């Protein structure tokens, strides 16, 4: 069935929370509450670059699109309230595919308590482009440049599952909702621990945070460089944990011990490193004698 813009907009208005109010070219953001900061994040997802249409069910793709943006807000200490949606649709996207996508996005929106605020639709010669911009309010904005020497670094989910899921997809395995594979789920429909970020921001002893998207080694590198420090990486981490991207865990640094953090948060944590004064490289590992540089193993969007 050939898509028409009027039909797409009608389904957005019917299905998505907040969609019924989309009548104009512009949308409105609510007033920022006193003492809070309005935060915004944007992610683009392109078929062939970030996903493949033949192995990513449309409802799971919609849920992932929303989750990766809400994860950025959460890791910054914000509580999300809404988003704008951009769809660039090639001729291979039919009405049934789009309906399943919209149903998945509506379900994820309701579960997360967010609504659509606006957006755009456009045709394209081939493929699918997805853009989502999400907004949230933060009482304390957790940034990546606040890490302090001596801080312990933790994540709230063990990294590497999404990479294993990607490898399974590349090997020919496909998503079966009747027998859900946890690695495939981690890649196709990640579930970031939303709500943990604002709780971390409420602890003054938590100094920096980000979400894991390009791989633990890349994101630890980002934390170290932003804070002008080095990070000694925990030797218990295997290469999949260091290399794997799209885990969407909170990765944060704190002066509190693991046991004290777990008691305060009611959340199990995984240690991944320790911040030290700037050394010979942003990431370091000890071989028992001296520190050596750990290379960046993360995903490069512009690699050939």
Protein backbone atom coordinates (compact mmCIF):
# COMPACT_ATOMS: atom_id res chain seq x y z
CA UNK A 1 0.00 0.00 0.00
CA UNK A 2 1.44 3.36 -1.04
CA UNK A 3 1.91 5.75 1.86
CA UNK A 4 0.52 9.27 1.90
CA UNK A 5 1.65 12.01 4.26
CA UNK A 6 -1.90 12.77 5.35
CA UNK A 7 -2.42 9.14 6.29
CA UNK A 8 0.87 8.98 8.22
CA UNK A 9 -0.02 12.12 10.17
CA UNK A 10 -3.47 10.74 10.92
CA UNK A 11 -1.97 7.60 12.48
CA UNK A 12 0.48 9.70 14.53
CA UNK A 13 -2.43 11.76 15.86
CA UNK A 14 -4.49 8.66 16.59
CA UNK A 15 -1.83 6.45 18.16
CA UNK A 16 0.87 8.48 19.89
CA UNK A 17 0.33 10.12 23.28
CA UNK A 18 0.03 13.86 22.62
CA UNK A 19 -0.57 13.28 18.94
CA UNK A 20 -4.09 14.63 19.02
CA UNK A 21 -2.75 18.13 19.58
CA UNK A 22 -0.50 18.17 16.50
CA UNK A 23 -2.32 20.62 14.24
CA UNK A 24 0.32 23.29 13.55
CA UNK A 25 3.81 23.58 12.10
CA UNK A 26 5.25 24.26 15.56
CA UNK A 27 4.84 22.63 18.95
CA UNK A 28 5.24 24.11 22.42
CA UNK A 29 7.51 23.07 25.27
CA UNK A 30 6.14 23.40 28.79
CA UNK A 31 7.64 26.07 31.07
CA UNK A 32 10.82 24.94 32.81
CA UNK A 33 10.07 24.42 36.51
CA UNK A 34 11.99 26.66 38.93
CA UNK A 35 15.40 25.26 39.81
CA UNK A 36 15.48 22.86 36.89
CA UNK A 37 17.26 22.82 33.53
CA UNK A 38 15.69 21.93 30.19
CA UNK A 39 17.83 19.28 28.47
CA UNK A 40 17.56 18.05 24.88
CA UNK A 41 19.11 15.14 22.99
CA UNK A 42 18.87 13.92 19.39
CA UNK A 43 19.60 10.58 17.74
CA UNK A 44 19.49 9.56 14.09
CA UNK A 45 19.14 5.97 12.92
CA UNK A 46 19.73 5.01 9.29
CA UNK A 47 18.91 1.68 7.65
CA UNK A 48 22.11 0.01 6.51
CA UNK A 49 24.14 1.96 9.06
CA UNK A 50 22.41 1.37 12.38
CA UNK A 51 19.94 -1.42 11.59
CA UNK A 52 18.73 -3.69 8.81
CA UNK A 53 15.09 -3.75 7.83
CA UNK A 54 15.15 -7.50 7.16
CA UNK A 55 16.12 -8.41 10.72
CA UNK A 56 14.74 -5.61 12.91
CA UNK A 57 10.99 -5.93 13.64
CA UNK A 58 9.36 -2.51 13.24
CA UNK A 59 7.79 -2.41 16.73
CA UNK A 60 11.15 -3.19 18.35
CA UNK A 61 12.89 -0.61 16.17
CA UNK A 62 10.45 2.06 17.35
CA UNK A 63 11.01 1.12 20.98
CA UNK A 64 14.78 1.26 20.48
CA UNK A 65 14.58 4.67 18.81
CA UNK A 66 12.79 6.10 21.85
CA UNK A 67 14.88 4.20 24.41
CA UNK A 68 18.26 5.40 23.16
CA UNK A 69 17.16 9.05 23.45
CA UNK A 70 15.54 8.64 26.86
CA UNK A 71 18.72 6.89 28.01
CA UNK A 72 20.78 9.99 27.17
CA UNK A 73 18.41 12.19 29.16
CA UNK A 74 18.32 9.81 32.09
CA UNK A 75 22.11 9.53 32.29
CA UNK A 76 22.20 13.34 32.45
CA UNK A 77 19.89 13.30 35.46
CA UNK A 78 16.77 14.38 33.57
CA UNK A 79 13.22 13.11 33.64
CA UNK A 80 11.83 13.09 30.08
CA UNK A 81 8.48 14.55 29.12
CA UNK A 82 8.28 14.59 25.31
CA UNK A 83 9.88 14.23 21.90
CA UNK A 84 9.70 15.19 18.25
CA UNK A 85 9.75 12.52 15.55
CA UNK A 86 11.15 12.66 12.02
CA UNK A 87 10.46 9.92 9.46
CA UNK A 88 12.22 9.67 6.09
CA UNK A 89 10.51 6.78 4.29
CA UNK A 90 11.61 4.96 1.16
CA UNK A 91 9.16 3.17 -1.15
CA UNK A 92 9.84 -0.22 0.46
CA UNK A 93 8.14 0.98 3.68
CA UNK A 94 4.50 -0.01 3.40
CA UNK A 95 1.43 0.66 5.50
CA UNK A 96 1.65 -2.56 7.51
CA UNK A 97 5.28 -1.90 8.45
CA UNK A 98 4.52 1.69 9.47
CA UNK A 99 1.48 0.64 11.49
CA UNK A 100 3.57 -1.86 13.50
CA UNK A 101 6.24 0.81 14.02
CA UNK A 102 3.68 3.33 15.29
CA UNK A 103 2.08 0.78 17.59
CA UNK A 104 5.49 0.00 19.09
CA UNK A 105 6.30 3.69 19.55
CA UNK A 106 2.91 4.33 21.15
CA UNK A 107 3.41 1.46 23.60
CA UNK A 108 6.91 2.66 24.53
CA UNK A 109 5.71 6.26 24.90
CA UNK A 110 2.94 5.29 27.29
CA UNK A 111 5.29 3.09 29.31
CA UNK A 112 7.81 5.95 29.61
CA UNK A 113 5.25 8.68 30.29
CA UNK A 114 6.28 10.84 27.33
CA UNK A 115 4.32 12.37 24.45
CA UNK A 116 5.00 13.47 20.91
CA UNK A 117 5.43 17.25 20.53
CA UNK A 118 5.91 17.57 16.78
CA UNK A 119 8.11 16.40 13.92
CA UNK A 120 8.20 15.91 10.17
CA UNK A 121 7.72 13.26 7.49
CA UNK A 122 9.43 13.06 4.11
CA UNK A 123 9.90 10.58 1.29
CA UNK A 124 13.29 9.36 0.12
CA UNK A 125 14.52 7.27 -2.82
CA UNK A 126 15.27 4.19 -0.71
CA UNK A 127 15.74 2.99 2.84
CA UNK A 128 14.57 4.41 6.12
CA UNK A 129 15.80 7.32 8.21
CA UNK A 130 14.58 7.89 11.74
CA UNK A 131 15.17 10.95 13.89
CA UNK A 132 14.00 11.59 17.40
CA UNK A 133 14.67 14.59 19.64
CA UNK A 134 13.75 14.16 23.29
CA UNK A 135 13.34 16.72 26.06
CA UNK A 136 13.54 16.46 29.82
CA UNK A 137 13.98 18.48 33.00
CA UNK A 138 16.92 18.01 35.38
CA UNK A 139 17.27 19.33 38.90
CA UNK A 140 20.98 18.56 38.69
CA UNK A 141 22.57 18.12 35.28
CA UNK A 142 25.03 15.22 35.50
CA UNK A 143 27.80 15.89 32.99
CA UNK A 144 30.78 13.84 31.87
CA UNK A 145 33.44 16.37 32.90
CA UNK A 146 33.05 16.17 36.68
CA UNK A 147 35.08 13.03 37.36
CA UNK A 148 37.52 13.41 40.28
CA UNK A 149 40.78 11.56 41.06
CA UNK A 150 40.01 8.52 43.18
CA UNK A 151 36.46 8.12 41.90
CA UNK A 152 35.30 4.58 41.35
CA UNK A 153 33.48 3.92 38.08
CA UNK A 154 30.48 1.63 37.77
CA UNK A 155 27.83 0.49 35.32
CA UNK A 156 24.37 -0.80 36.21
CA UNK A 157 24.18 -3.47 33.47
CA UNK A 158 26.93 -5.78 32.29
CA UNK A 159 28.10 -4.57 28.87
CA UNK A 160 28.55 -6.78 25.83
CA UNK A 161 25.10 -8.35 25.37
CA UNK A 162 24.16 -6.08 22.44
CA UNK A 163 27.38 -6.98 20.62
CA UNK A 164 26.65 -10.68 21.10
CA UNK A 165 23.16 -10.08 19.73
CA UNK A 166 24.57 -8.33 16.67
CA UNK A 167 26.90 -11.24 16.00
CA UNK A 168 23.99 -13.68 16.23
CA UNK A 169 22.02 -11.61 13.71
CA UNK A 170 25.01 -11.50 11.39
CA UNK A 171 25.26 -15.30 11.69
CA UNK A 172 21.63 -15.69 10.55
CA UNK A 173 19.69 -15.95 13.82
CA UNK A 174 16.45 -13.93 13.90
CA UNK A 175 14.16 -12.60 16.60
CA UNK A 176 11.50 -15.07 17.70
CA UNK A 177 9.04 -13.49 20.16
CA UNK A 178 7.90 -16.94 21.30
CA UNK A 179 11.48 -17.81 22.33
CA UNK A 180 13.14 -14.45 23.06
CA UNK A 181 16.92 -14.58 23.06
CA UNK A 182 18.32 -12.16 25.69
CA UNK A 183 21.26 -11.09 23.50
CA UNK A 184 18.99 -10.40 20.52
CA UNK A 185 16.65 -8.46 22.81
CA UNK A 186 19.58 -6.40 24.13
CA UNK A 187 20.45 -5.38 20.56
CA UNK A 188 17.01 -5.05 18.99
CA UNK A 189 15.07 -3.61 21.94
CA UNK A 190 17.37 -2.37 24.72
CA UNK A 191 15.91 -1.62 28.15
CA UNK A 192 17.92 1.13 29.83
CA UNK A 193 17.39 1.48 33.55
CA UNK A 194 15.37 4.68 33.25
CA UNK A 195 14.94 6.52 36.52
CA UNK A 196 18.37 5.58 37.86
CA UNK A 197 19.96 8.73 36.41
CA UNK A 198 17.94 11.23 38.50
CA UNK A 199 18.62 9.10 41.59
CA UNK A 200 22.34 9.27 40.84
CA UNK A 201 22.08 13.02 40.32
CA UNK A 202 20.55 13.34 43.78
CA UNK A 203 23.78 12.00 45.31
CA UNK A 204 26.41 14.77 45.52
CA UNK A 205 29.11 12.09 45.71
CA UNK A 206 28.28 11.05 42.11
CA UNK A 207 30.42 13.36 39.99
CA UNK A 208 29.96 12.34 36.33
CA UNK A 209 27.76 10.10 34.22
CA UNK A 210 26.95 9.09 30.65
CA UNK A 211 25.15 6.23 28.94
CA UNK A 212 27.03 3.50 27.10
CA UNK A 213 26.30 3.78 23.40
CA UNK A 214 29.55 3.45 21.42
CA UNK A 215 31.21 0.88 23.68
CA UNK A 216 32.63 0.90 27.20
CA UNK A 217 36.22 1.66 26.14
CA UNK A 218 35.05 4.61 23.99
CA UNK A 219 32.78 6.01 26.68
CA UNK A 220 35.36 5.61 29.47
CA UNK A 221 37.76 7.41 27.12
CA UNK A 222 35.17 10.19 26.76
CA UNK A 223 34.80 10.50 30.54
CA UNK A 224 38.56 10.61 31.05
CA UNK A 225 39.20 13.21 28.36
CA UNK A 226 36.29 15.44 29.41
CA UNK A 227 37.54 15.43 33.01
CA UNK A 228 41.25 15.78 32.19
CA UNK A 229 42.09 12.52 33.96
CA UNK A 230 43.04 8.93 33.22
CA UNK A 231 41.03 5.83 34.09
CA UNK A 232 42.56 2.55 35.21
CA UNK A 233 40.27 -0.07 33.70
CA UNK A 234 39.16 -3.04 35.77
CA UNK A 235 41.03 -6.17 34.68
CA UNK A 236 37.94 -8.37 35.08
CA UNK A 237 36.38 -6.89 31.92
CA UNK A 238 36.67 -9.04 28.80
CA UNK A 239 37.03 -7.73 25.26
CA UNK A 240 33.32 -8.01 24.49
CA UNK A 241 32.53 -5.81 27.49
CA UNK A 242 35.12 -3.24 26.41
CA UNK A 243 34.25 -3.30 22.71
CA UNK A 244 30.49 -3.77 22.68
CA UNK A 245 28.29 -0.79 21.88
CA UNK A 246 24.62 0.02 22.33
CA UNK A 247 24.41 -1.29 25.88
CA UNK A 248 22.70 1.88 27.19
CA UNK A 249 23.79 1.35 30.79
CA UNK A 250 24.53 4.24 33.13
CA UNK A 251 28.33 4.61 33.48
CA UNK A 252 29.24 6.91 36.35
CA UNK A 253 31.97 7.94 38.74
CA UNK A 254 31.59 8.39 42.48
CA UNK A 255 33.69 8.78 45.60
CA UNK A 256 31.39 6.32 47.37
CA UNK A 257 32.24 2.63 47.62
CA UNK A 258 30.34 -0.01 45.70
CA UNK A 259 28.63 -1.34 48.83
CA UNK A 260 27.49 2.12 49.95
CA UNK A 261 26.16 2.98 46.49
CA UNK A 262 24.32 -0.32 46.20
CA UNK A 263 22.76 0.21 49.62
CA UNK A 264 21.60 3.73 48.75
CA UNK A 265 20.36 2.88 45.27
CA UNK A 266 18.98 -0.60 45.91
CA UNK A 267 20.76 -1.53 42.68
CA UNK A 268 23.56 -4.00 41.93
CA UNK A 269 26.55 -2.35 40.26
CA UNK A 270 29.51 -3.59 38.24
CA UNK A 271 32.91 -1.93 38.80
CA UNK A 272 34.68 -0.90 35.58
CA UNK A 273 37.56 1.33 36.67
CA UNK A 274 39.08 4.03 38.84
CA UNK A 275 39.93 7.64 38.00
CA UNK A 276 43.50 8.85 38.60
CA UNK A 277 45.54 11.93 37.75
CA UNK A 278 46.22 12.30 34.03
CA UNK A 279 48.77 9.74 32.88
CA UNK A 280 50.33 8.57 29.61
CA UNK A 281 46.92 7.75 28.07
CA UNK A 282 43.23 8.31 28.88
CA UNK A 283 42.69 4.58 29.54
CA UNK A 284 45.23 2.46 31.38
CA UNK A 285 45.54 -1.16 32.45
CA UNK A 286 48.10 -2.66 34.81
CA UNK A 287 50.01 -5.72 33.65
CA UNK A 288 51.37 -6.32 37.17
CA UNK A 289 54.42 -4.10 36.71
CA UNK A 290 53.47 -0.82 35.08
CA UNK A 291 50.44 0.81 33.49
CA UNK A 292 50.02 0.53 29.72
CA UNK A 293 47.65 2.30 27.39
CA UNK A 294 44.36 0.59 26.51
CA UNK A 295 43.29 1.29 22.93
CA UNK A 296 39.88 2.63 22.05
CA UNK A 297 37.88 -0.41 20.90
CA UNK A 298 34.54 1.37 20.47
CA UNK A 299 32.37 1.94 17.43
CA UNK A 300 33.48 4.60 14.95
CA UNK A 301 30.59 6.13 12.97
CA UNK A 302 32.95 7.35 10.26
CA UNK A 303 35.22 4.33 9.89
CA UNK A 304 35.67 3.20 6.26
